[in-house]
Amino acid sequence: MVDSTLSSPAPLPATLPRADQALLHLGRRLQADGYRFITPTPLTHQRVNARTGHERTGKPRL
């Protein structure tokens, strides 16, 4: 089934590279779903890092 909310914006230009088309499609999907990103503040990072189990080890957590 095709989601009509995704097909209502202007069609993707065929001249865009596939990676750009994919990003544009993702952005439209997130917008259609009402996604909102809220940037964490330094205080947010401080609170999370202060939690047990979130101690800094010097290694990335990816």
N, C-alpha and C. Protein backbone atom coordinates (compact mmCIF):
# COMPACT_ATOMS: atom_id res chain seq x y z
N MET A 1 0.84 -1.17 0.00
CA MET A 1 0.00 0.00 0.00
C MET A 1 0.89 1.24 0.00
N VAL A 2 0.54 2.23 -0.78
CA VAL A 2 1.30 3.47 -0.89
C VAL A 2 0.67 4.52 0.02
N ASP A 3 1.50 5.21 0.79
CA ASP A 3 1.04 6.27 1.67
C ASP A 3 0.82 7.53 0.84
N SER A 4 -0.41 7.97 0.72
CA SER A 4 -0.71 9.13 -0.13
C SER A 4 -0.09 10.42 0.39
N THR A 5 0.20 10.51 1.69
CA THR A 5 0.81 11.73 2.22
C THR A 5 2.23 11.89 1.71
N LEU A 6 2.85 10.78 1.32
CA LEU A 6 4.22 10.86 0.82
C LEU A 6 4.26 11.22 -0.66
N SER A 7 3.19 10.93 -1.37
CA SER A 7 3.21 11.20 -2.80
C SER A 7 2.62 12.57 -3.15
N SER A 8 2.06 13.28 -2.18
CA SER A 8 1.46 14.56 -2.46
C SER A 8 2.46 15.68 -2.73
N PRO A 9 3.67 15.69 -2.12
CA PRO A 9 4.63 16.75 -2.46
C PRO A 9 5.10 16.61 -3.91
N ALA A 10 5.80 17.62 -4.38
CA ALA A 10 6.32 17.59 -5.74
C ALA A 10 7.17 16.34 -5.94
N PRO A 11 7.11 15.76 -7.13
CA PRO A 11 7.92 14.56 -7.39
C PRO A 11 9.40 14.87 -7.28
N LEU A 12 10.16 13.85 -6.95
CA LEU A 12 11.61 14.00 -6.83
C LEU A 12 12.21 14.17 -8.21
N PRO A 13 13.07 15.16 -8.40
CA PRO A 13 13.70 15.32 -9.71
C PRO A 13 14.59 14.12 -10.04
N ALA A 14 14.47 13.61 -11.24
CA ALA A 14 15.26 12.45 -11.66
C ALA A 14 16.74 12.79 -11.75
N THR A 15 17.06 14.08 -11.80
CA THR A 15 18.47 14.47 -11.93
C THR A 15 19.20 14.45 -10.59
N LEU A 16 18.46 14.32 -9.49
CA LEU A 16 19.11 14.24 -8.18
C LEU A 16 19.80 12.90 -8.02
N PRO A 17 20.99 12.88 -7.43
CA PRO A 17 21.62 11.60 -7.13
C PRO A 17 20.72 10.76 -6.22
N ARG A 18 20.84 9.46 -6.30
CA ARG A 18 19.98 8.56 -5.52
C ARG A 18 20.08 8.83 -4.02
N ALA A 19 21.28 9.14 -3.54
CA ALA A 19 21.44 9.41 -2.11
C ALA A 19 20.63 10.65 -1.71
N ASP A 20 20.64 11.67 -2.55
CA ASP A 20 19.86 12.88 -2.27
C ASP A 20 18.36 12.60 -2.34
N GLN A 21 17.95 11.77 -3.28
CA GLN A 21 16.55 11.40 -3.38
C GLN A 21 16.11 10.66 -2.11
N ALA A 22 16.97 9.77 -1.63
CA ALA A 22 16.65 9.01 -0.42
C ALA A 22 16.52 9.94 0.79
N LEU A 23 17.43 10.92 0.91
CA LEU A 23 17.35 11.86 2.02
C LEU A 23 16.10 12.73 1.94
N LEU A 24 15.76 13.16 0.75
CA LEU A 24 14.57 13.96 0.57
C LEU A 24 13.32 13.15 0.91
N HIS A 25 13.30 11.90 0.49
CA HIS A 25 12.17 11.02 0.80
C HIS A 25 12.05 10.83 2.32
N LEU A 26 13.19 10.60 2.98
CA LEU A 26 13.19 10.42 4.44
C LEU A 26 12.68 11.68 5.12
N GLY A 27 13.16 12.84 4.68
CA GLY A 27 12.72 14.10 5.28
C GLY A 27 11.22 14.32 5.12
N ARG A 28 10.71 13.99 3.94
CA ARG A 28 9.27 14.13 3.71
C ARG A 28 8.48 13.16 4.58
N ARG A 29 9.02 11.96 4.74
CA ARG A 29 8.33 10.96 5.58
C ARG A 29 8.29 11.42 7.04
N LEU A 30 9.41 11.89 7.54
CA LEU A 30 9.46 12.38 8.92
C LEU A 30 8.50 13.56 9.11
N GLN A 31 8.47 14.44 8.14
CA GLN A 31 7.57 15.59 8.21
C GLN A 31 6.12 15.14 8.19
N ALA A 32 5.78 14.19 7.33
CA ALA A 32 4.41 13.67 7.25
C ALA A 32 3.98 12.98 8.54
N ASP A 33 4.96 12.34 9.21
CA ASP A 33 4.67 11.65 10.47
C ASP A 33 4.65 12.58 11.67
N GLY A 34 4.97 13.87 11.45
CA GLY A 34 4.96 14.84 12.54
C GLY A 34 6.18 14.78 13.43
N TYR A 35 7.28 14.19 12.93
CA TYR A 35 8.50 14.08 13.73
C TYR A 35 9.06 15.45 14.04
N ARG A 36 9.49 15.63 15.27
CA ARG A 36 10.12 16.89 15.69
C ARG A 36 11.38 16.55 16.49
N PHE A 37 12.49 17.11 16.08
CA PHE A 37 13.75 16.90 16.78
C PHE A 37 13.98 18.06 17.73
N ILE A 38 14.33 17.74 18.96
CA ILE A 38 14.64 18.76 19.95
C ILE A 38 16.11 18.60 20.31
N THR A 39 16.87 19.64 20.09
CA THR A 39 18.30 19.59 20.35
C THR A 39 18.56 19.52 21.85
N PRO A 40 19.33 18.52 22.31
CA PRO A 40 19.67 18.46 23.72
C PRO A 40 20.62 19.60 24.10
N THR A 41 20.45 20.11 25.28
CA THR A 41 21.28 21.21 25.76
C THR A 41 22.48 20.65 26.53
N PRO A 42 23.47 21.46 26.80
CA PRO A 42 24.59 21.00 27.64
C PRO A 42 24.11 20.49 29.00
N LEU A 43 23.07 21.12 29.56
CA LEU A 43 22.54 20.65 30.84
C LEU A 43 21.95 19.24 30.71
N THR A 44 21.29 18.96 29.59
CA THR A 44 20.77 17.62 29.34
C THR A 44 21.90 16.61 29.33
N HIS A 45 22.99 16.92 28.63
CA HIS A 45 24.15 16.02 28.59
C HIS A 45 24.72 15.82 29.99
N GLN A 46 24.78 16.89 30.76
CA GLN A 46 25.32 16.80 32.12
C GLN A 46 24.46 15.86 32.97
N ARG A 47 23.14 15.99 32.87
CA ARG A 47 22.23 15.13 33.65
C ARG A 47 22.37 13.66 33.26
N VAL A 48 22.44 13.41 31.96
CA VAL A 48 22.57 12.02 31.49
C VAL A 48 23.90 11.44 31.92
N ASN A 49 24.97 12.21 31.75
CA ASN A 49 26.30 11.72 32.13
C ASN A 49 26.43 11.50 33.63
N ALA A 50 25.61 12.17 34.43
CA ALA A 50 25.67 12.02 35.88
C ALA A 50 24.95 10.75 36.36
N ARG A 51 24.18 10.13 35.50
CA ARG A 51 23.46 8.91 35.89
C ARG A 51 24.41 7.75 36.09
N THR A 52 24.06 6.86 36.99
CA THR A 52 24.85 5.66 37.21
C THR A 52 24.91 4.85 35.91
N GLY A 53 26.09 4.40 35.57
CA GLY A 53 26.27 3.64 34.35
C GLY A 53 26.63 4.48 33.15
N HIS A 54 26.65 5.79 33.33
CA HIS A 54 26.98 6.69 32.22
C HIS A 54 28.28 7.43 32.49
N GLU A 55 29.10 6.86 33.34
CA GLU A 55 30.36 7.52 33.67
C GLU A 55 31.22 7.58 32.41
N ARG A 56 32.01 8.64 32.32
CA ARG A 56 32.89 8.81 31.16
C ARG A 56 34.05 7.83 31.25
N THR A 57 34.29 7.12 30.15
CA THR A 57 35.41 6.19 30.09
C THR A 57 36.49 6.67 29.14
N GLY A 58 36.20 7.74 28.41
CA GLY A 58 37.14 8.23 27.42
C GLY A 58 36.95 7.58 26.07
N LYS A 59 36.05 6.57 26.01
CA LYS A 59 35.78 5.87 24.75
C LYS A 59 34.44 6.34 24.20
N PRO A 60 34.33 6.42 22.88
CA PRO A 60 33.05 6.77 22.27
C PRO A 60 32.00 5.69 22.59
N ARG A 61 30.74 6.08 22.69
CA ARG A 61 29.69 5.14 23.05
C ARG A 61 28.87 4.71 21.83
N LEU A 62 29.49 4.61 20.68
CA LEU A 62 28.74 4.21 19.49
C LEU A 62 28.72 2.75 19.32
